[in-house]
């Protein structure tokens, strides 16, 4: 809601229930969701890698514009 504080994490381990990840790379999906499928078009933003089902190690790479 308006005026509420927000915590932003830009690097390091993030533990959160409901991530449901497999160990491996994690990208930013087309609609802002986490995905473990590399993009084939649009933007390629590697967010980091999963080390467990509920753990994402955040290590954001520069966004790359992919050709369609």
C-alpha atoms as a PDB file:
ATOM      1  CA  UNK A   1       0.000   0.000   0.000  1.00  0.00           C
ATOM      2  CA  UNK A   2       1.049   3.604  -0.427  1.00  0.00           C
ATOM      3  CA  UNK A   3       3.661   4.718   2.088  1.00  0.00           C
ATOM      4  CA  UNK A   4       4.554   1.186   3.195  1.00  0.00           C
ATOM      5  CA  UNK A   5       8.214   0.261   3.525  1.00  0.00           C
ATOM      6  CA  UNK A   6       9.721  -2.188   1.048  1.00  0.00           C
ATOM      7  CA  UNK A   7      12.847  -4.319   1.491  1.00  0.00           C
ATOM      8  CA  UNK A   8      14.972  -4.690  -1.645  1.00  0.00           C
ATOM      9  CA  UNK A   9      17.687  -7.315  -1.935  1.00  0.00           C
ATOM     10  CA  UNK A  10      20.138  -7.002  -4.832  1.00  0.00           C
ATOM     11  CA  UNK A  11      22.611  -9.776  -3.990  1.00  0.00           C
ATOM     12  CA  UNK A  12      23.243 -12.756  -1.764  1.00  0.00           C
ATOM     13  CA  UNK A  13      21.091 -15.663  -0.601  1.00  0.00           C
ATOM     14  CA  UNK A  14      17.324 -15.352  -0.469  1.00  0.00           C
ATOM     15  CA  UNK A  15      15.302 -18.038   1.300  1.00  0.00           C
ATOM     16  CA  UNK A  16      11.574 -17.997   0.580  1.00  0.00           C
ATOM     17  CA  UNK A  17       8.829 -20.581   0.791  1.00  0.00           C
ATOM     18  CA  UNK A  18       7.068 -21.217  -2.485  1.00  0.00           C
ATOM     19  CA  UNK A  19       9.984 -20.625  -4.848  1.00  0.00           C
ATOM     20  CA  UNK A  20       9.853 -24.262  -6.014  1.00  0.00           C
ATOM     21  CA  UNK A  21      13.141 -24.055  -7.922  1.00  0.00           C
ATOM     22  CA  UNK A  22      15.508 -26.731  -9.153  1.00  0.00           C
ATOM     23  CA  UNK A  23      19.246 -26.177  -8.632  1.00  0.00           C
ATOM     24  CA  UNK A  24      20.518 -24.091 -11.543  1.00  0.00           C
ATOM     25  CA  UNK A  25      20.237 -20.696 -13.211  1.00  0.00           C
ATOM     26  CA  UNK A  26      17.230 -18.423 -12.723  1.00  0.00           C
ATOM     27  CA  UNK A  27      16.119 -15.702 -15.152  1.00  0.00           C
ATOM     28  CA  UNK A  28      13.612 -12.858 -15.071  1.00  0.00           C
ATOM     29  CA  UNK A  29      10.553 -13.964 -17.067  1.00  0.00           C
ATOM     30  CA  UNK A  30       8.602 -11.886 -19.587  1.00  0.00           C
ATOM     31  CA  UNK A  31       5.997 -10.918 -16.968  1.00  0.00           C
ATOM     32  CA  UNK A  32       8.411 -10.384 -14.077  1.00  0.00           C
ATOM     33  CA  UNK A  33       8.220 -13.943 -12.741  1.00  0.00           C
ATOM     34  CA  UNK A  34      11.149 -16.218 -11.933  1.00  0.00           C
ATOM     35  CA  UNK A  35      11.887 -18.798 -14.625  1.00  0.00           C
ATOM     36  CA  UNK A  36      14.517 -21.445 -15.157  1.00  0.00           C
ATOM     37  CA  UNK A  37      13.996 -21.469 -18.923  1.00  0.00           C
ATOM     38  CA  UNK A  38      16.417 -19.161 -20.771  1.00  0.00           C
ATOM     39  CA  UNK A  39      14.623 -16.569 -22.922  1.00  0.00           C
ATOM     40  CA  UNK A  40      14.747 -16.975 -26.696  1.00  0.00           C
ATOM     41  CA  UNK A  41      13.688 -13.404 -27.522  1.00  0.00           C
ATOM     42  CA  UNK A  42      13.136 -10.093 -25.803  1.00  0.00           C
ATOM     43  CA  UNK A  43      15.405  -9.467 -22.833  1.00  0.00           C
ATOM     44  CA  UNK A  44      17.820 -11.847 -21.104  1.00  0.00           C
ATOM     45  CA  UNK A  45      18.300 -10.985 -17.430  1.00  0.00           C
ATOM     46  CA  UNK A  46      20.033 -13.651 -15.368  1.00  0.00           C
ATOM     47  CA  UNK A  47      19.003 -13.095 -11.746  1.00  0.00           C
ATOM     48  CA  UNK A  48      21.250 -15.710 -10.154  1.00  0.00           C
ATOM     49  CA  UNK A  49      20.989 -19.377  -9.368  1.00  0.00           C
ATOM     50  CA  UNK A  50      18.987 -21.697  -7.191  1.00  0.00           C
ATOM     51  CA  UNK A  51      20.933 -23.808  -4.734  1.00  0.00           C
ATOM     52  CA  UNK A  52      17.830 -25.534  -3.321  1.00  0.00           C
ATOM     53  CA  UNK A  53      14.067 -25.589  -3.870  1.00  0.00           C
ATOM     54  CA  UNK A  54      13.522 -22.618  -1.526  1.00  0.00           C
ATOM     55  CA  UNK A  55      16.853 -20.765  -1.950  1.00  0.00           C
ATOM     56  CA  UNK A  56      17.897 -18.313  -4.660  1.00  0.00           C
ATOM     57  CA  UNK A  57      21.370 -16.827  -4.655  1.00  0.00           C
ATOM     58  CA  UNK A  58      20.895 -13.389  -6.204  1.00  0.00           C
ATOM     59  CA  UNK A  59      23.678 -12.276  -8.554  1.00  0.00           C
ATOM     60  CA  UNK A  60      21.994 -10.059 -11.163  1.00  0.00           C
ATOM     61  CA  UNK A  61      23.712  -9.791 -14.550  1.00  0.00           C
ATOM     62  CA  UNK A  62      23.343  -6.975 -17.056  1.00  0.00           C
ATOM     63  CA  UNK A  63      20.273  -7.273 -19.257  1.00  0.00           C
ATOM     64  CA  UNK A  64      20.975  -8.335 -22.829  1.00  0.00           C
ATOM     65  CA  UNK A  65      18.568  -7.427 -25.669  1.00  0.00           C
ATOM     66  CA  UNK A  66      18.037 -10.558 -27.759  1.00  0.00           C
ATOM     67  CA  UNK A  67      17.220 -10.495 -31.461  1.00  0.00           C
ATOM     68  CA  UNK A  68      13.823 -11.873 -32.449  1.00  0.00           C
END
